[in-house]
Amino acid sequence: MIQNVAYTNSSYDTLRRNLGRNLGGESMRVFMKQRREELGLTQQEAADRASMTRANYAHIERGR
């Protein structure tokens, strides 16, 4: 479950710590996209909840 937590940066380590999951690389990317879609959120809405830009969120989802 994605928590409504303010992220200080978009690194995978910070995301794993704040999500409370031991995910990385491809699985983090897939998890984020699937969860966002389950919640019916746009990338902008998910990015707003994570206190990051949509561009940064999109890069993470794409694995860049």
C-alpha atoms as a PDB file:
ATOM      1  CA  MET A   1       0.000   0.000   0.000  1.00  0.00           C
ATOM      2  CA  ILE A   2       1.396   3.386  -0.949  1.00  0.00           C
ATOM      3  CA  GLN A   3       1.561   5.603   2.092  1.00  0.00           C
ATOM      4  CA  ASN A   4       1.008   9.334   1.932  1.00  0.00           C
ATOM      5  CA  VAL A   5       4.624  10.139   2.791  1.00  0.00           C
ATOM      6  CA  ALA A   6       6.695  13.134   1.718  1.00  0.00           C
ATOM      7  CA  TYR A   7       9.789  11.972  -0.167  1.00  0.00           C
ATOM      8  CA  THR A   8      12.969  14.001   0.066  1.00  0.00           C
ATOM      9  CA  ASN A   9      14.377  12.533  -3.152  1.00  0.00           C
ATOM     10  CA  SER A  10      13.447   9.966  -5.773  1.00  0.00           C
ATOM     11  CA  SER A  11      16.101   7.340  -5.062  1.00  0.00           C
ATOM     12  CA  TYR A  12      15.033   3.709  -4.898  1.00  0.00           C
ATOM     13  CA  ASP A  13      16.505   3.379  -1.392  1.00  0.00           C
ATOM     14  CA  THR A  14      14.311   6.201  -0.071  1.00  0.00           C
ATOM     15  CA  LEU A  15      11.245   4.791  -1.797  1.00  0.00           C
ATOM     16  CA  ARG A  16      11.874   1.311  -0.358  1.00  0.00           C
ATOM     17  CA  ARG A  17      12.348   2.723   3.146  1.00  0.00           C
ATOM     18  CA  ASN A  18       9.196   4.858   3.004  1.00  0.00           C
ATOM     19  CA  LEU A  19       7.091   2.115   1.416  1.00  0.00           C
ATOM     20  CA  GLY A  20       8.348  -0.401   3.966  1.00  0.00           C
ATOM     21  CA  ARG A  21       9.121  -2.898   1.196  1.00  0.00           C
ATOM     22  CA  ASN A  22      12.320  -4.647   0.184  1.00  0.00           C
ATOM     23  CA  LEU A  23      11.935  -3.986  -3.540  1.00  0.00           C
ATOM     24  CA  GLY A  24      14.380  -2.638  -6.067  1.00  0.00           C
ATOM     25  CA  GLY A  25      14.974  -2.138  -9.749  1.00  0.00           C
ATOM     26  CA  GLU A  26      12.384  -3.723 -12.008  1.00  0.00           C
ATOM     27  CA  SER A  27      10.104  -4.949  -9.220  1.00  0.00           C
ATOM     28  CA  MET A  28       9.859  -1.450  -7.673  1.00  0.00           C
ATOM     29  CA  ARG A  29       8.947   0.012 -11.054  1.00  0.00           C
ATOM     30  CA  VAL A  30       6.293  -2.622 -11.680  1.00  0.00           C
ATOM     31  CA  PHE A  31       4.923  -2.340  -8.129  1.00  0.00           C
ATOM     32  CA  MET A  32       4.565   1.437  -8.341  1.00  0.00           C
ATOM     33  CA  LYS A  33       2.741   1.368 -11.671  1.00  0.00           C
ATOM     34  CA  GLN A  34       0.421  -1.484 -10.676  1.00  0.00           C
ATOM     35  CA  ARG A  35      -0.443   0.112  -7.339  1.00  0.00           C
ATOM     36  CA  ARG A  36      -1.043   3.529  -8.912  1.00  0.00           C
ATOM     37  CA  GLU A  37      -3.393   1.961 -11.452  1.00  0.00           C
ATOM     38  CA  GLU A  38      -5.189  -0.057  -8.723  1.00  0.00           C
ATOM     39  CA  LEU A  39      -5.853   3.192  -6.892  1.00  0.00           C
ATOM     40  CA  GLY A  40      -7.042   4.864 -10.097  1.00  0.00           C
ATOM     41  CA  LEU A  41      -4.447   7.620  -9.844  1.00  0.00           C
ATOM     42  CA  THR A  42      -2.756   9.509 -12.643  1.00  0.00           C
ATOM     43  CA  GLN A  43       1.007   9.884 -12.526  1.00  0.00           C
ATOM     44  CA  GLN A  44       0.463  13.517 -11.491  1.00  0.00           C
ATOM     45  CA  GLU A  45      -1.770  12.515  -8.564  1.00  0.00           C
ATOM     46  CA  ALA A  46       0.701   9.857  -7.394  1.00  0.00           C
ATOM     47  CA  ALA A  47       3.581  12.314  -7.729  1.00  0.00           C
ATOM     48  CA  ASP A  48       1.678  14.921  -5.712  1.00  0.00           C
ATOM     49  CA  ARG A  49       1.097  12.372  -2.935  1.00  0.00           C
ATOM     50  CA  ALA A  50       4.819  11.559  -2.964  1.00  0.00           C
ATOM     51  CA  SER A  51       5.835  15.264  -3.000  1.00  0.00           C
ATOM     52  CA  MET A  52       7.765  14.932  -6.251  1.00  0.00           C
ATOM     53  CA  THR A  53       7.351  16.132  -9.785  1.00  0.00           C
ATOM     54  CA  ARG A  54       5.391  14.099 -12.302  1.00  0.00           C
ATOM     55  CA  ALA A  55       8.511  13.895 -14.461  1.00  0.00           C
ATOM     56  CA  ASN A  56      10.531  12.315 -11.625  1.00  0.00           C
ATOM     57  CA  TYR A  57       7.701   9.905 -10.835  1.00  0.00           C
ATOM     58  CA  ALA A  58       7.405   8.935 -14.505  1.00  0.00           C
ATOM     59  CA  HIS A  59      11.171   8.308 -14.709  1.00  0.00           C
ATOM     60  CA  ILE A  60      10.961   5.950 -11.742  1.00  0.00           C
ATOM     61  CA  GLU A  61       8.004   4.079 -13.239  1.00  0.00           C
ATOM     62  CA  ARG A  62       9.918   3.720 -16.508  1.00  0.00           C
ATOM     63  CA  GLY A  63      13.049   2.548 -14.707  1.00  0.00           C
ATOM     64  CA  ARG A  64      15.221   5.493 -15.677  1.00  0.00           C
END
